[in-house]
């Protein structure tokens, strides 16, 4: 079954040539990245690399620095020190370049980005318009005129796979936690990002919702996925490599 952004079976396959360039091999590269809040270091000189098409889990207990690292990779938080590269481009150099990089990123955070008073359909239409109206996303559509039909096709695929059809016209404030999480994932994928970032995607969900999301994530094709989790068992259902964080430092890398 097809899913968002051309998702189908074939985890870890790289199909980004037409989107980000044939010569780009590394999706995320961090060199000496630290983040300090006052006197407290949430991250301490993190260096890591994630290949295009790779599925990687950031593992560790609460307070290990996983959420801070996700936000920095998403360009939502500037590091205190170090270099962040997304698909070979330095982030945080200037606002226009950082804004352009954000169009390649789909983020699902702890907090929902859906507007309570809008329906699921209205929220997804809003975010699709937000991305497609930017000139930097003309390459996503091929041409500006085709944007509307492109997002509607993506919406249909997302709704089918995430089983959101019954709730498309329900306001976000009336959704259960699990349904809202699914709608947030659809929101993060509506513009067909090349890099998908998921912060504790399985947290607070029942078993059936976790199963559905795990199967959905495994079906991604041609995308790079980084998720954070304190659950080794659920992370290995989706990812092939794990990076263990402890007190803001990389302790070890493991095969899942």
Protein backbone atom coordinates (compact mmCIF):
# COMPACT_ATOMS: atom_id res chain seq x y z
CA UNK A 1 0.00 0.00 0.00
CA UNK A 2 1.40 3.41 -0.91
CA UNK A 3 1.95 5.94 1.83
CA UNK A 4 3.08 9.52 2.17
CA UNK A 5 5.74 10.89 -0.09
CA UNK A 6 6.02 7.71 -2.12
CA UNK A 7 6.35 5.44 0.89
CA UNK A 8 6.18 1.73 0.17
CA UNK A 9 7.95 -1.37 1.37
CA UNK A 10 11.71 -1.11 1.24
CA UNK A 11 13.07 0.44 4.42
CA UNK A 12 16.27 2.38 4.13
CA UNK A 13 16.28 2.63 0.35
CA UNK A 14 17.58 5.92 -0.95
CA UNK A 15 15.45 7.62 -3.57
CA UNK A 16 16.29 11.26 -3.12
CA UNK A 17 18.30 11.91 -6.24
CA UNK A 18 15.70 14.15 -7.86
CA UNK A 19 15.03 16.05 -4.63
CA UNK A 20 18.37 16.81 -3.03
CA UNK A 21 21.01 15.86 -5.60
CA UNK A 22 22.64 12.61 -6.62
CA UNK A 23 25.92 13.45 -4.87
CA UNK A 24 24.44 13.95 -1.41
CA UNK A 25 25.24 10.90 0.71
CA UNK A 26 24.90 12.29 4.24
CA UNK A 27 21.57 13.55 5.54
CA UNK A 28 22.74 14.81 8.94
CA UNK A 29 26.24 15.59 10.16
CA UNK A 30 26.98 17.05 13.58
CA UNK A 31 30.45 18.11 14.65
CA UNK A 32 31.16 19.10 18.25
CA UNK A 33 27.58 20.16 18.95
CA UNK A 34 26.91 21.41 22.48
CA UNK A 35 23.89 23.09 24.04
CA UNK A 36 24.06 24.98 27.31
CA UNK A 37 21.19 26.37 29.35
CA UNK A 38 22.81 28.68 31.88
CA UNK A 39 25.42 26.55 33.62
CA UNK A 40 23.81 23.28 32.56
CA UNK A 41 25.02 21.44 29.45
CA UNK A 42 22.15 19.48 27.88
CA UNK A 43 24.49 18.31 25.11
CA UNK A 44 28.26 17.97 25.28
CA UNK A 45 30.30 17.95 22.06
CA UNK A 46 28.07 15.61 20.06
CA UNK A 47 29.50 14.36 16.77
CA UNK A 48 27.53 11.94 14.62
CA UNK A 49 26.55 11.23 11.04
CA UNK A 50 23.37 9.82 9.49
CA UNK A 51 23.40 8.61 5.89
CA UNK A 52 20.69 9.40 3.37
CA UNK A 53 18.01 6.71 3.63
CA UNK A 54 19.16 5.49 7.05
CA UNK A 55 16.80 4.85 9.98
CA UNK A 56 18.43 5.80 13.30
CA UNK A 57 17.14 5.80 16.88
CA UNK A 58 18.36 8.15 19.60
CA UNK A 59 18.13 6.09 22.76
CA UNK A 60 18.49 6.87 26.43
CA UNK A 61 16.58 7.70 29.62
CA UNK A 62 14.64 10.89 30.23
CA UNK A 63 17.06 13.80 30.53
CA UNK A 64 19.68 12.21 28.25
CA UNK A 65 19.40 15.05 25.73
CA UNK A 66 17.34 13.32 23.04
CA UNK A 67 14.70 16.04 22.63
CA UNK A 68 17.30 18.82 22.60
CA UNK A 69 19.23 16.98 19.89
CA UNK A 70 16.08 16.45 17.80
CA UNK A 71 15.22 20.16 18.03
CA UNK A 72 18.73 21.15 16.92
CA UNK A 73 18.64 18.77 13.95
CA UNK A 74 15.21 20.20 13.09
CA UNK A 75 16.81 23.70 13.16
CA UNK A 76 14.28 24.70 15.82
CA UNK A 77 17.02 25.33 18.39
CA UNK A 78 20.46 26.81 17.80
CA UNK A 79 23.40 25.00 19.42
CA UNK A 80 25.74 26.83 21.77
CA UNK A 81 28.71 25.43 19.85
CA UNK A 82 29.43 23.13 16.95
CA UNK A 83 28.36 22.64 13.33
CA UNK A 84 25.09 21.22 12.01
CA UNK A 85 24.84 20.15 8.38
CA UNK A 86 21.59 19.00 6.75
CA UNK A 87 22.10 17.34 3.35
CA UNK A 88 25.51 18.96 3.14
CA UNK A 89 24.31 22.50 3.93
CA UNK A 90 25.31 24.33 7.10
CA UNK A 91 22.33 25.25 9.25
CA UNK A 92 22.06 28.49 11.25
CA UNK A 93 24.36 30.47 8.94
CA UNK A 94 21.56 32.79 7.92
CA UNK A 95 17.79 32.85 8.27
CA UNK A 96 16.99 32.29 4.59
CA UNK A 97 19.22 29.20 4.32
CA UNK A 98 17.83 27.78 7.56
CA UNK A 99 14.27 28.39 6.35
CA UNK A 100 15.06 26.55 3.11
CA UNK A 101 16.48 23.59 5.01
CA UNK A 102 13.30 23.37 7.09
CA UNK A 103 11.36 22.55 3.96
CA UNK A 104 13.29 19.27 3.79
CA UNK A 105 12.35 18.38 7.38
CA UNK A 106 9.20 16.90 8.87
CA UNK A 107 9.11 17.13 12.68
CA UNK A 108 6.77 15.40 15.11
CA UNK A 109 7.52 16.81 18.57
CA UNK A 110 6.14 16.13 22.04
CA UNK A 111 3.77 19.05 21.65
CA UNK A 112 1.18 19.05 18.91
CA UNK A 113 1.45 21.62 16.11
CA UNK A 114 -2.22 21.28 15.18
CA UNK A 115 -4.62 24.18 15.72
CA UNK A 116 -7.37 23.18 18.15
CA UNK A 117 -10.18 25.05 16.40
CA UNK A 118 -9.39 23.67 12.95
CA UNK A 119 -10.47 20.24 11.72
CA UNK A 120 -7.87 17.68 10.74
CA UNK A 121 -8.56 18.44 7.08
CA UNK A 122 -8.23 22.20 7.66
CA UNK A 123 -4.98 21.76 9.57
CA UNK A 124 -3.44 19.65 6.82
CA UNK A 125 -4.61 22.06 4.13
CA UNK A 126 -3.11 24.96 6.07
CA UNK A 127 0.30 23.31 6.39
CA UNK A 128 0.26 22.17 2.76
CA UNK A 129 -0.43 25.74 1.67
CA UNK A 130 2.24 27.06 4.04
CA UNK A 131 4.87 24.98 2.28
CA UNK A 132 3.63 25.03 -1.32
CA UNK A 133 3.28 28.81 -1.52
CA UNK A 134 6.98 29.24 -0.77
CA UNK A 135 9.03 29.54 -3.96
CA UNK A 136 11.60 27.21 -2.48
CA UNK A 137 9.04 24.41 -2.75
CA UNK A 138 8.29 24.76 -6.45
CA UNK A 139 10.59 21.77 -6.98
CA UNK A 140 8.27 19.71 -4.77
CA UNK A 141 5.37 20.32 -7.12
CA UNK A 142 7.23 20.61 -10.37
CA UNK A 143 5.28 23.80 -11.01
CA UNK A 144 3.25 26.11 -8.82
CA UNK A 145 0.00 25.19 -10.58
CA UNK A 146 0.36 21.50 -9.70
CA UNK A 147 0.79 22.10 -5.97
CA UNK A 148 -2.88 21.77 -5.10
CA UNK A 149 -3.36 18.42 -6.81
CA UNK A 150 -0.04 17.16 -5.38
CA UNK A 151 -0.99 17.87 -1.78
CA UNK A 152 -4.43 16.35 -2.25
CA UNK A 153 -2.84 13.13 -3.52
CA UNK A 154 -0.49 13.10 -0.54
CA UNK A 155 -3.40 13.79 1.81
CA UNK A 156 -5.32 10.83 0.41
CA UNK A 157 -2.34 8.51 0.89
CA UNK A 158 -1.71 9.70 4.44
CA UNK A 159 -5.34 9.46 5.48
CA UNK A 160 -5.64 5.94 4.11
CA UNK A 161 -2.52 4.55 5.75
CA UNK A 162 -2.95 6.36 9.09
CA UNK A 163 -6.66 5.48 9.18
CA UNK A 164 -7.79 9.08 9.68
CA UNK A 165 -10.72 9.13 7.27
CA UNK A 166 -13.44 9.13 9.94
CA UNK A 167 -11.85 12.08 11.73
CA UNK A 168 -10.93 14.39 8.85
CA UNK A 169 -13.74 16.81 9.68
CA UNK A 170 -13.33 16.66 13.45
CA UNK A 171 -11.69 19.59 15.25
CA UNK A 172 -8.24 18.78 16.60
CA UNK A 173 -9.29 19.62 20.16
CA UNK A 174 -11.76 16.72 20.12
CA UNK A 175 -9.23 14.05 19.09
CA UNK A 176 -7.87 11.46 21.49
CA UNK A 177 -4.15 11.55 22.21
CA UNK A 178 -3.47 8.69 19.80
CA UNK A 179 -5.55 10.18 16.98
CA UNK A 180 -3.95 13.57 17.45
CA UNK A 181 -0.51 11.96 17.25
CA UNK A 182 -1.48 10.32 13.96
CA UNK A 183 -2.81 13.62 12.63
CA UNK A 184 0.42 15.34 13.68
CA UNK A 185 2.41 12.73 11.74
CA UNK A 186 0.26 13.45 8.69
CA UNK A 187 0.91 17.17 9.20
CA UNK A 188 4.67 16.58 9.36
CA UNK A 189 4.62 14.56 6.13
CA UNK A 190 2.18 16.60 4.02
CA UNK A 191 5.01 18.43 2.21
CA UNK A 192 6.93 15.22 1.50
CA UNK A 193 10.06 15.97 3.53
CA UNK A 194 13.31 14.14 2.88
CA UNK A 195 14.23 14.01 6.59
CA UNK A 196 11.65 12.85 9.16
CA UNK A 197 12.28 13.54 12.87
CA UNK A 198 10.10 11.86 15.51
CA UNK A 199 10.43 12.74 19.19
CA UNK A 200 9.12 9.83 21.31
CA UNK A 201 6.49 8.84 18.71
CA UNK A 202 5.32 5.79 20.70
CA UNK A 203 4.97 7.53 24.05
CA UNK A 204 1.46 7.58 25.55
CA UNK A 205 -0.05 5.37 22.83
CA UNK A 206 -1.91 2.10 23.25
CA UNK A 207 -0.55 -1.12 21.77
CA UNK A 208 -2.63 -1.03 18.59
CA UNK A 209 -1.61 2.57 17.82
CA UNK A 210 2.05 1.71 18.38
CA UNK A 211 1.74 -1.26 16.04
CA UNK A 212 0.12 0.88 13.35
CA UNK A 213 2.80 3.58 13.54
CA UNK A 214 5.66 1.07 13.63
CA UNK A 215 4.38 -0.57 10.46
CA UNK A 216 3.88 2.80 8.81
CA UNK A 217 7.39 4.03 9.60
CA UNK A 218 8.94 0.80 8.33
CA UNK A 219 7.28 1.38 4.97
CA UNK A 220 9.08 4.66 4.29
CA UNK A 221 11.03 4.63 1.06
CA UNK A 222 13.56 7.23 0.00
CA UNK A 223 13.48 9.10 3.32
CA UNK A 224 15.87 9.47 6.22
CA UNK A 225 14.31 8.88 9.63
CA UNK A 226 15.58 9.77 13.10
CA UNK A 227 13.45 8.97 16.11
CA UNK A 228 14.05 9.39 19.81
CA UNK A 229 12.86 6.80 22.30
CA UNK A 230 13.59 5.42 25.72
CA UNK A 231 12.18 2.08 24.54
CA UNK A 232 14.79 -0.15 22.91
CA UNK A 233 12.13 -2.67 21.93
CA UNK A 234 10.01 -0.24 19.90
CA UNK A 235 13.01 1.53 18.41
CA UNK A 236 14.38 -1.70 16.97
CA UNK A 237 11.02 -2.36 15.31
CA UNK A 238 11.75 0.58 13.00
CA UNK A 239 15.45 1.46 13.04
CA UNK A 240 18.62 -0.38 12.05
CA UNK A 241 21.05 1.67 14.15
CA UNK A 242 20.88 3.12 17.63
CA UNK A 243 22.83 5.95 19.26
CA UNK A 244 22.81 5.76 23.05
CA UNK A 245 22.84 9.11 24.84
CA UNK A 246 23.59 9.60 28.51
CA UNK A 247 23.75 12.97 30.26
CA UNK A 248 24.16 14.80 26.98
CA UNK A 249 26.94 12.63 25.57
CA UNK A 250 27.12 9.81 23.03
CA UNK A 251 27.99 6.68 25.01
CA UNK A 252 27.89 4.11 22.23
CA UNK A 253 26.38 3.15 18.88
CA UNK A 254 24.59 -0.17 18.51
CA UNK A 255 22.99 -2.28 15.79
CA UNK A 256 19.28 -2.83 16.37
